[in-house]
Amino acid sequence: GTTTQAMTPFLVDVPELTVVTNSLT
């Protein structure tokens, strides 16, 4: 989704993070 995609720049500084997604974008 375009709204959830807006989260991605704000996740880069979270240590030891695993992200599961069904979005290729």
mmCIF file of all heavy atoms, coordinates in Angstrom:
data_MODEL
# 
_entry.id   MODEL 
# 
loop_
_atom_site.group_PDB 
_atom_site.id 
_atom_site.type_symbol 
_atom_site.label_atom_id 
_atom_site.label_alt_id 
_atom_site.label_comp_id 
_atom_site.label_asym_id 
_atom_site.label_entity_id 
_atom_site.label_seq_id 
_atom_site.pdbx_PDB_ins_code 
_atom_site.Cartn_x 
_atom_site.Cartn_y 
_atom_site.Cartn_z 
_atom_site.occupancy 
_atom_site.B_iso_or_equiv 
_atom_site.pdbx_formal_charge 
_atom_site.auth_seq_id 
_atom_site.auth_comp_id 
_atom_site.auth_asym_id 
_atom_site.auth_atom_id 
_atom_site.pdbx_PDB_model_num 
ATOM 1   N N   . GLY A 1 1  ? 0.822  -1.205  0.000  1.00 0.00 ? 1  GLY A N   1 
ATOM 2   C CA  . GLY A 1 1  ? 0.000  0.000   0.000  1.00 0.00 ? 1  GLY A CA  1 
ATOM 3   C C   . GLY A 1 1  ? 0.849  1.244   0.000  1.00 0.00 ? 1  GLY A C   1 
ATOM 4   O O   . GLY A 1 1  ? 1.982  1.239   0.492  1.00 0.00 ? 1  GLY A O   1 
ATOM 5   N N   . THR A 1 2  ? 0.314  2.337   -0.528 1.00 0.00 ? 2  THR A N   1 
ATOM 6   C CA  . THR A 1 2  ? 1.086  3.574   -0.599 1.00 0.00 ? 2  THR A CA  1 
ATOM 7   C C   . THR A 1 2  ? 1.253  4.225   0.770  1.00 0.00 ? 2  THR A C   1 
ATOM 8   O O   . THR A 1 2  ? 2.232  4.940   1.002  1.00 0.00 ? 2  THR A O   1 
ATOM 9   C CB  . THR A 1 2  ? 0.421  4.564   -1.562 1.00 0.00 ? 2  THR A CB  1 
ATOM 10  O OG1 . THR A 1 2  ? -0.925 4.827   -1.130 1.00 0.00 ? 2  THR A OG1 1 
ATOM 11  C CG2 . THR A 1 2  ? 0.369  4.011   -2.973 1.00 0.00 ? 2  THR A CG2 1 
ATOM 12  N N   . THR A 1 3  ? 0.316  3.997   1.692  1.00 0.00 ? 3  THR A N   1 
ATOM 13  C CA  . THR A 1 3  ? 0.444  4.587   3.030  1.00 0.00 ? 3  THR A CA  1 
ATOM 14  C C   . THR A 1 3  ? 1.484  3.839   3.845  1.00 0.00 ? 3  THR A C   1 
ATOM 15  O O   . THR A 1 3  ? 2.344  4.452   4.485  1.00 0.00 ? 3  THR A O   1 
ATOM 16  C CB  . THR A 1 3  ? -0.909 4.590   3.758  1.00 0.00 ? 3  THR A CB  1 
ATOM 17  O OG1 . THR A 1 3  ? -1.894 5.206   2.922  1.00 0.00 ? 3  THR A OG1 1 
ATOM 18  C CG2 . THR A 1 3  ? -0.821 5.374   5.059  1.00 0.00 ? 3  THR A CG2 1 
ATOM 19  N N   . THR A 1 4  ? 1.431  2.514   3.831  1.00 0.00 ? 4  THR A N   1 
ATOM 20  C CA  . THR A 1 4  ? 2.426  1.735   4.572  1.00 0.00 ? 4  THR A CA  1 
ATOM 21  C C   . THR A 1 4  ? 3.815  1.921   3.975  1.00 0.00 ? 4  THR A C   1 
ATOM 22  O O   . THR A 1 4  ? 4.814  1.892   4.706  1.00 0.00 ? 4  THR A O   1 
ATOM 23  C CB  . THR A 1 4  ? 2.055  0.248   4.573  1.00 0.00 ? 4  THR A CB  1 
ATOM 24  O OG1 . THR A 1 4  ? 1.698  -0.149  3.244  1.00 0.00 ? 4  THR A OG1 1 
ATOM 25  C CG2 . THR A 1 4  ? 0.880  -0.027  5.503  1.00 0.00 ? 4  THR A CG2 1 
ATOM 26  N N   . GLN A 1 5  ? 3.887  2.116   2.687  1.00 0.00 ? 5  GLN A N   1 
ATOM 27  C CA  . GLN A 1 5  ? 5.189  2.336   2.062  1.00 0.00 ? 5  GLN A CA  1 
ATOM 28  C C   . GLN A 1 5  ? 5.872  3.586   2.608  1.00 0.00 ? 5  GLN A C   1 
ATOM 29  O O   . GLN A 1 5  ? 7.101  3.676   2.652  1.00 0.00 ? 5  GLN A O   1 
ATOM 30  C CB  . GLN A 1 5  ? 5.033  2.442   0.547  1.00 0.00 ? 5  GLN A CB  1 
ATOM 31  C CG  . GLN A 1 5  ? 6.363  2.511   -0.202 1.00 0.00 ? 5  GLN A CG  1 
ATOM 32  C CD  . GLN A 1 5  ? 6.162  2.577   -1.704 1.00 0.00 ? 5  GLN A CD  1 
ATOM 33  O OE1 . GLN A 1 5  ? 5.107  2.198   -2.218 1.00 0.00 ? 5  GLN A OE1 1 
ATOM 34  N NE2 . GLN A 1 5  ? 7.161  3.061   -2.411 1.00 0.00 ? 5  GLN A NE2 1 
ATOM 35  N N   . ALA A 1 6  ? 5.064  4.543   3.059  1.00 0.00 ? 6  ALA A N   1 
ATOM 36  C CA  . ALA A 1 6  ? 5.625  5.776   3.620  1.00 0.00 ? 6  ALA A CA  1 
ATOM 37  C C   . ALA A 1 6  ? 6.390  5.527   4.908  1.00 0.00 ? 6  ALA A C   1 
ATOM 38  O O   . ALA A 1 6  ? 7.131  6.394   5.376  1.00 0.00 ? 6  ALA A O   1 
ATOM 39  C CB  . ALA A 1 6  ? 4.509  6.788   3.857  1.00 0.00 ? 6  ALA A CB  1 
ATOM 40  N N   . MET A 1 7  ? 6.221  4.326   5.514  1.00 0.00 ? 7  MET A N   1 
ATOM 41  C CA  . MET A 1 7  ? 6.982  3.990   6.719  1.00 0.00 ? 7  MET A CA  1 
ATOM 42  C C   . MET A 1 7  ? 8.449  3.713   6.434  1.00 0.00 ? 7  MET A C   1 
ATOM 43  O O   . MET A 1 7  ? 9.303  3.886   7.317  1.00 0.00 ? 7  MET A O   1 
ATOM 44  C CB  . MET A 1 7  ? 6.398  2.730   7.386  1.00 0.00 ? 7  MET A CB  1 
ATOM 45  C CG  . MET A 1 7  ? 5.162  2.903   8.190  1.00 0.00 ? 7  MET A CG  1 
ATOM 46  S SD  . MET A 1 7  ? 4.741  1.343   9.032  1.00 0.00 ? 7  MET A SD  1 
ATOM 47  C CE  . MET A 1 7  ? 6.131  1.178   10.177 1.00 0.00 ? 7  MET A CE  1 
ATOM 48  N N   . THR A 1 8  ? 8.748  3.216   5.252  1.00 0.00 ? 8  THR A N   1 
ATOM 49  C CA  . THR A 1 8  ? 10.064 2.619   5.003  1.00 0.00 ? 8  THR A CA  1 
ATOM 50  C C   . THR A 1 8  ? 11.260 3.535   5.306  1.00 0.00 ? 8  THR A C   1 
ATOM 51  O O   . THR A 1 8  ? 12.256 3.055   5.860  1.00 0.00 ? 8  THR A O   1 
ATOM 52  C CB  . THR A 1 8  ? 10.155 2.088   3.560  1.00 0.00 ? 8  THR A CB  1 
ATOM 53  O OG1 . THR A 1 8  ? 9.857  3.141   2.626  1.00 0.00 ? 8  THR A OG1 1 
ATOM 54  C CG2 . THR A 1 8  ? 9.165  0.951   3.348  1.00 0.00 ? 8  THR A CG2 1 
ATOM 55  N N   . PRO A 1 9  ? 11.210 4.838   5.001  1.00 0.00 ? 9  PRO A N   1 
ATOM 56  C CA  . PRO A 1 9  ? 12.386 5.655   5.329  1.00 0.00 ? 9  PRO A CA  1 
ATOM 57  C C   . PRO A 1 9  ? 12.647 5.767   6.834  1.00 0.00 ? 9  PRO A C   1 
ATOM 58  O O   . PRO A 1 9  ? 13.769 6.062   7.240  1.00 0.00 ? 9  PRO A O   1 
ATOM 59  C CB  . PRO A 1 9  ? 12.026 7.031   4.745  1.00 0.00 ? 9  PRO A CB  1 
ATOM 60  C CG  . PRO A 1 9  ? 10.961 6.769   3.746  1.00 0.00 ? 9  PRO A CG  1 
ATOM 61  C CD  . PRO A 1 9  ? 10.185 5.623   4.297  1.00 0.00 ? 9  PRO A CD  1 
ATOM 62  N N   . PHE A 1 10 ? 11.625 5.518   7.642  1.00 0.00 ? 10 PHE A N   1 
ATOM 63  C CA  . PHE A 1 10 ? 11.752 5.696   9.087  1.00 0.00 ? 10 PHE A CA  1 
ATOM 64  C C   . PHE A 1 10 ? 12.101 4.403   9.821  1.00 0.00 ? 10 PHE A C   1 
ATOM 65  O O   . PHE A 1 10 ? 12.174 4.380   11.046 1.00 0.00 ? 10 PHE A O   1 
ATOM 66  C CB  . PHE A 1 10 ? 10.447 6.288   9.644  1.00 0.00 ? 10 PHE A CB  1 
ATOM 67  C CG  . PHE A 1 10 ? 10.016 7.532   8.920  1.00 0.00 ? 10 PHE A CG  1 
ATOM 68  C CD1 . PHE A 1 10 ? 8.927  7.512   8.055  1.00 0.00 ? 10 PHE A CD1 1 
ATOM 69  C CD2 . PHE A 1 10 ? 10.719 8.721   9.062  1.00 0.00 ? 10 PHE A CD2 1 
ATOM 70  C CE1 . PHE A 1 10 ? 8.537  8.649   7.362  1.00 0.00 ? 10 PHE A CE1 1 
ATOM 71  C CE2 . PHE A 1 10 ? 10.339 9.865   8.377  1.00 0.00 ? 10 PHE A CE2 1 
ATOM 72  C CZ  . PHE A 1 10 ? 9.243  9.829   7.524  1.00 0.00 ? 10 PHE A CZ  1 
ATOM 73  N N   . LEU A 1 11 ? 12.342 3.341   9.061  1.00 0.00 ? 11 LEU A N   1 
ATOM 74  C CA  . LEU A 1 11 ? 12.708 2.056   9.666  1.00 0.00 ? 11 LEU A CA  1 
ATOM 75  C C   . LEU A 1 11 ? 14.203 1.790   9.630  1.00 0.00 ? 11 LEU A C   1 
ATOM 76  O O   . LEU A 1 11 ? 14.683 0.872   10.293 1.00 0.00 ? 11 LEU A O   1 
ATOM 77  C CB  . LEU A 1 11 ? 11.984 0.913   8.933  1.00 0.00 ? 11 LEU A CB  1 
ATOM 78  C CG  . LEU A 1 11 ? 10.460 0.914   8.989  1.00 0.00 ? 11 LEU A CG  1 
ATOM 79  C CD1 . LEU A 1 11 ? 9.912  -0.209  8.107  1.00 0.00 ? 11 LEU A CD1 1 
ATOM 80  C CD2 . LEU A 1 11 ? 9.963  0.755   10.427 1.00 0.00 ? 11 LEU A CD2 1 
ATOM 81  N N   . VAL A 1 12 ? 14.930 2.598   8.879  1.00 0.00 ? 12 VAL A N   1 
ATOM 82  C CA  . VAL A 1 12 ? 16.327 2.264   8.588  1.00 0.00 ? 12 VAL A CA  1 
ATOM 83  C C   . VAL A 1 12 ? 17.238 2.333   9.810  1.00 0.00 ? 12 VAL A C   1 
ATOM 84  O O   . VAL A 1 12 ? 18.300 1.697   9.829  1.00 0.00 ? 12 VAL A O   1 
ATOM 85  C CB  . VAL A 1 12 ? 16.886 3.163   7.464  1.00 0.00 ? 12 VAL A CB  1 
ATOM 86  C CG1 . VAL A 1 12 ? 16.112 2.924   6.175  1.00 0.00 ? 12 VAL A CG1 1 
ATOM 87  C CG2 . VAL A 1 12 ? 16.837 4.631   7.854  1.00 0.00 ? 12 VAL A CG2 1 
ATOM 88  N N   . ASP A 1 13 ? 16.835 3.061   10.835 1.00 0.00 ? 13 ASP A N   1 
ATOM 89  C CA  . ASP A 1 13 ? 17.694 3.207   12.009 1.00 0.00 ? 13 ASP A CA  1 
ATOM 90  C C   . ASP A 1 13 ? 17.297 2.293   13.158 1.00 0.00 ? 13 ASP A C   1 
ATOM 91  O O   . ASP A 1 13 ? 17.848 2.412   14.261 1.00 0.00 ? 13 ASP A O   1 
ATOM 92  C CB  . ASP A 1 13 ? 17.680 4.666   12.495 1.00 0.00 ? 13 ASP A CB  1 
ATOM 93  C CG  . ASP A 1 13 ? 18.312 5.617   11.478 1.00 0.00 ? 13 ASP A CG  1 
ATOM 94  O OD1 . ASP A 1 13 ? 19.276 5.195   10.808 1.00 0.00 ? 13 ASP A OD1 1 
ATOM 95  O OD2 . ASP A 1 13 ? 17.833 6.748   11.348 1.00 0.00 ? 13 ASP A OD2 1 
ATOM 96  N N   . VAL A 1 14 ? 16.352 1.383   12.933 1.00 0.00 ? 14 VAL A N   1 
ATOM 97  C CA  . VAL A 1 14 ? 15.948 0.450   13.986 1.00 0.00 ? 14 VAL A CA  1 
ATOM 98  C C   . VAL A 1 14 ? 16.908 -0.734  13.982 1.00 0.00 ? 14 VAL A C   1 
ATOM 99  O O   . VAL A 1 14 ? 16.984 -1.465  12.984 1.00 0.00 ? 14 VAL A O   1 
ATOM 100 C CB  . VAL A 1 14 ? 14.504 -0.044  13.770 1.00 0.00 ? 14 VAL A CB  1 
ATOM 101 C CG1 . VAL A 1 14 ? 14.097 -0.998  14.887 1.00 0.00 ? 14 VAL A CG1 1 
ATOM 102 C CG2 . VAL A 1 14 ? 13.546 1.141   13.708 1.00 0.00 ? 14 VAL A CG2 1 
ATOM 103 N N   . PRO A 1 15 ? 17.637 -0.969  15.076 1.00 0.00 ? 15 PRO A N   1 
ATOM 104 C CA  . PRO A 1 15 ? 18.624 -2.054  15.081 1.00 0.00 ? 15 PRO A CA  1 
ATOM 105 C C   . PRO A 1 15 ? 17.978 -3.439  15.020 1.00 0.00 ? 15 PRO A C   1 
ATOM 106 O O   . PRO A 1 15 ? 16.902 -3.665  15.561 1.00 0.00 ? 15 PRO A O   1 
ATOM 107 C CB  . PRO A 1 15 ? 19.337 -1.868  16.433 1.00 0.00 ? 15 PRO A CB  1 
ATOM 108 C CG  . PRO A 1 15 ? 19.004 -0.471  16.870 1.00 0.00 ? 15 PRO A CG  1 
ATOM 109 C CD  . PRO A 1 15 ? 17.645 -0.194  16.316 1.00 0.00 ? 15 PRO A CD  1 
ATOM 110 N N   . GLU A 1 16 ? 18.657 -4.348  14.326 1.00 0.00 ? 16 GLU A N   1 
ATOM 111 C CA  . GLU A 1 16 ? 18.289 -5.766  14.278 1.00 0.00 ? 16 GLU A CA  1 
ATOM 112 C C   . GLU A 1 16 ? 16.815 -5.967  13.921 1.00 0.00 ? 16 GLU A C   1 
ATOM 113 O O   . GLU A 1 16 ? 16.105 -6.762  14.531 1.00 0.00 ? 16 GLU A O   1 
ATOM 114 C CB  . GLU A 1 16 ? 18.604 -6.430  15.619 1.00 0.00 ? 16 GLU A CB  1 
ATOM 115 C CG  . GLU A 1 16 ? 20.075 -6.354  15.996 1.00 0.00 ? 16 GLU A CG  1 
ATOM 116 C CD  . GLU A 1 16 ? 20.362 -6.999  17.337 1.00 0.00 ? 16 GLU A CD  1 
ATOM 117 O OE1 . GLU A 1 16 ? 19.512 -7.755  17.832 1.00 0.00 ? 16 GLU A OE1 1 
ATOM 118 O OE2 . GLU A 1 16 ? 21.443 -6.738  17.894 1.00 0.00 ? 16 GLU A OE2 1 
ATOM 119 N N   . LEU A 1 17 ? 16.383 -5.285  12.893 1.00 0.00 ? 17 LEU A N   1 
ATOM 120 C CA  . LEU A 1 17 ? 14.987 -5.336  12.478 1.00 0.00 ? 17 LEU A CA  1 
ATOM 121 C C   . LEU A 1 17 ? 14.790 -6.338  11.351 1.00 0.00 ? 17 LEU A C   1 
ATOM 122 O O   . LEU A 1 17 ? 15.602 -6.417  10.420 1.00 0.00 ? 17 LEU A O   1 
ATOM 123 C CB  . LEU A 1 17 ? 14.531 -3.949  12.008 1.00 0.00 ? 17 LEU A CB  1 
ATOM 124 C CG  . LEU A 1 17 ? 13.096 -3.833  11.471 1.00 0.00 ? 17 LEU A CG  1 
ATOM 125 C CD1 . LEU A 1 17 ? 12.088 -4.137  12.583 1.00 0.00 ? 17 LEU A CD1 1 
ATOM 126 C CD2 . LEU A 1 17 ? 12.848 -2.442  10.885 1.00 0.00 ? 17 LEU A CD2 1 
ATOM 127 N N   . THR A 1 18 ? 13.706 -7.107  11.443 1.00 0.00 ? 18 THR A N   1 
ATOM 128 C CA  . THR A 1 18 ? 13.288 -7.984  10.350 1.00 0.00 ? 18 THR A CA  1 
ATOM 129 C C   . THR A 1 18 ? 11.919 -7.514  9.857  1.00 0.00 ? 18 THR A C   1 
ATOM 130 O O   . THR A 1 18 ? 10.999 -7.324  10.660 1.00 0.00 ? 18 THR A O   1 
ATOM 131 C CB  . THR A 1 18 ? 13.182 -9.444  10.811 1.00 0.00 ? 18 THR A CB  1 
ATOM 132 O OG1 . THR A 1 18 ? 14.470 -9.899  11.252 1.00 0.00 ? 18 THR A OG1 1 
ATOM 133 C CG2 . THR A 1 18 ? 12.705 -10.345 9.666  1.00 0.00 ? 18 THR A CG2 1 
ATOM 134 N N   . VAL A 1 19 ? 11.798 -7.322  8.556  1.00 0.00 ? 19 VAL A N   1 
ATOM 135 C CA  . VAL A 1 19 ? 10.546 -6.864  7.960  1.00 0.00 ? 19 VAL A CA  1 
ATOM 136 C C   . VAL A 1 19 ? 10.017 -7.947  7.013  1.00 0.00 ? 19 VAL A C   1 
ATOM 137 O O   . VAL A 1 19 ? 10.710 -8.369  6.089  1.00 0.00 ? 19 VAL A O   1 
ATOM 138 C CB  . VAL A 1 19 ? 10.726 -5.549  7.180  1.00 0.00 ? 19 VAL A CB  1 
ATOM 139 C CG1 . VAL A 1 19 ? 9.410  -5.143  6.504  1.00 0.00 ? 19 VAL A CG1 1 
ATOM 140 C CG2 . VAL A 1 19 ? 11.197 -4.437  8.109  1.00 0.00 ? 19 VAL A CG2 1 
ATOM 141 N N   . VAL A 1 20 ? 8.808  -8.383  7.284  1.00 0.00 ? 20 VAL A N   1 
ATOM 142 C CA  . VAL A 1 20 ? 8.096  -9.318  6.413  1.00 0.00 ? 20 VAL A CA  1 
ATOM 143 C C   . VAL A 1 20 ? 7.110  -8.507  5.573  1.00 0.00 ? 20 VAL A C   1 
ATOM 144 O O   . VAL A 1 20 ? 6.396  -7.660  6.111  1.00 0.00 ? 20 VAL A O   1 
ATOM 145 C CB  . VAL A 1 20 ? 7.330  -10.373 7.244  1.00 0.00 ? 20 VAL A CB  1 
ATOM 146 C CG1 . VAL A 1 20 ? 6.567  -11.324 6.330  1.00 0.00 ? 20 VAL A CG1 1 
ATOM 147 C CG2 . VAL A 1 20 ? 8.287  -11.130 8.158  1.00 0.00 ? 20 VAL A CG2 1 
ATOM 148 N N   . THR A 1 21 ? 7.073  -8.762  4.273  1.00 0.00 ? 21 THR A N   1 
ATOM 149 C CA  . THR A 1 21 ? 6.157  -7.984  3.435  1.00 0.00 ? 21 THR A CA  1 
ATOM 150 C C   . THR A 1 21 ? 5.643  -8.803  2.265  1.00 0.00 ? 21 THR A C   1 
ATOM 151 O O   . THR A 1 21 ? 6.321  -9.731  1.792  1.00 0.00 ? 21 THR A O   1 
ATOM 152 C CB  . THR A 1 21 ? 6.830  -6.695  2.910  1.00 0.00 ? 21 THR A CB  1 
ATOM 153 O OG1 . THR A 1 21 ? 5.867  -5.890  2.214  1.00 0.00 ? 21 THR A OG1 1 
ATOM 154 C CG2 . THR A 1 21 ? 7.992  -7.007  1.984  1.00 0.00 ? 21 THR A CG2 1 
ATOM 155 N N   . ASN A 1 22 ? 4.445  -8.465  1.812  1.00 0.00 ? 22 ASN A N   1 
ATOM 156 C CA  . ASN A 1 22 ? 3.905  -9.045  0.580  1.00 0.00 ? 22 ASN A CA  1 
ATOM 157 C C   . ASN A 1 22 ? 3.926  -8.023  -0.545 1.00 0.00 ? 22 ASN A C   1 
ATOM 158 O O   . ASN A 1 22 ? 3.277  -8.216  -1.573 1.00 0.00 ? 22 ASN A O   1 
ATOM 159 C CB  . ASN A 1 22 ? 2.479  -9.566  0.792  1.00 0.00 ? 22 ASN A CB  1 
ATOM 160 C CG  . ASN A 1 22 ? 1.476  -8.442  1.008  1.00 0.00 ? 22 ASN A CG  1 
ATOM 161 O OD1 . ASN A 1 22 ? 1.794  -7.411  1.613  1.00 0.00 ? 22 ASN A OD1 1 
ATOM 162 N ND2 . ASN A 1 22 ? 0.252  -8.627  0.538  1.00 0.00 ? 22 ASN A ND2 1 
ATOM 163 N N   . SER A 1 23 ? 4.691  -6.957  -0.362 1.00 0.00 ? 23 SER A N   1 
ATOM 164 C CA  . SER A 1 23 ? 4.783  -5.884  -1.347 1.00 0.00 ? 23 SER A CA  1 
ATOM 165 C C   . SER A 1 23 ? 6.159  -5.876  -2.002 1.00 0.00 ? 23 SER A C   1 
ATOM 166 O O   . SER A 1 23 ? 7.181  -5.714  -1.317 1.00 0.00 ? 23 SER A O   1 
ATOM 167 C CB  . SER A 1 23 ? 4.535  -4.521  -0.685 1.00 0.00 ? 23 SER A CB  1 
ATOM 168 O OG  . SER A 1 23 ? 4.922  -3.459  -1.545 1.00 0.00 ? 23 SER A OG  1 
ATOM 169 N N   . LEU A 1 24 ? 6.210  -6.038  -3.313 1.00 0.00 ? 24 LEU A N   1 
ATOM 170 C CA  . LEU A 1 24 ? 7.488  -5.967  -4.010 1.00 0.00 ? 24 LEU A CA  1 
ATOM 171 C C   . LEU A 1 24 ? 8.060  -4.553  -3.957 1.00 0.00 ? 24 LEU A C   1 
ATOM 172 O O   . LEU A 1 24 ? 9.282  -4.375  -3.884 1.00 0.00 ? 24 LEU A O   1 
ATOM 173 C CB  . LEU A 1 24 ? 7.311  -6.412  -5.463 1.00 0.00 ? 24 LEU A CB  1 
ATOM 174 C CG  . LEU A 1 24 ? 6.878  -7.861  -5.681 1.00 0.00 ? 24 LEU A CG  1 
ATOM 175 C CD1 . LEU A 1 24 ? 6.828  -8.183  -7.171 1.00 0.00 ? 24 LEU A CD1 1 
ATOM 176 C CD2 . LEU A 1 24 ? 7.810  -8.824  -4.965 1.00 0.00 ? 24 LEU A CD2 1 
ATOM 177 N N   . THR A 1 25 ? 7.193  -3.552  -3.972 1.00 0.00 ? 25 THR A N   1 
ATOM 178 C CA  . THR A 1 25 ? 7.655  -2.164  -3.909 1.00 0.00 ? 25 THR A CA  1 
ATOM 179 C C   . THR A 1 25 ? 8.358  -1.888  -2.595 1.00 0.00 ? 25 THR A C   1 
ATOM 180 O O   . THR A 1 25 ? 9.439  -1.270  -2.558 1.00 0.00 ? 25 THR A O   1 
ATOM 181 C CB  . THR A 1 25 ? 6.468  -1.200  -4.076 1.00 0.00 ? 25 THR A CB  1 
ATOM 182 O OG1 . THR A 1 25 ? 5.766  -1.524  -5.277 1.00 0.00 ? 25 THR A OG1 1 
ATOM 183 C CG2 . THR A 1 25 ? 6.944  0.236   -4.153 1.00 0.00 ? 25 THR A CG2 1 
# 
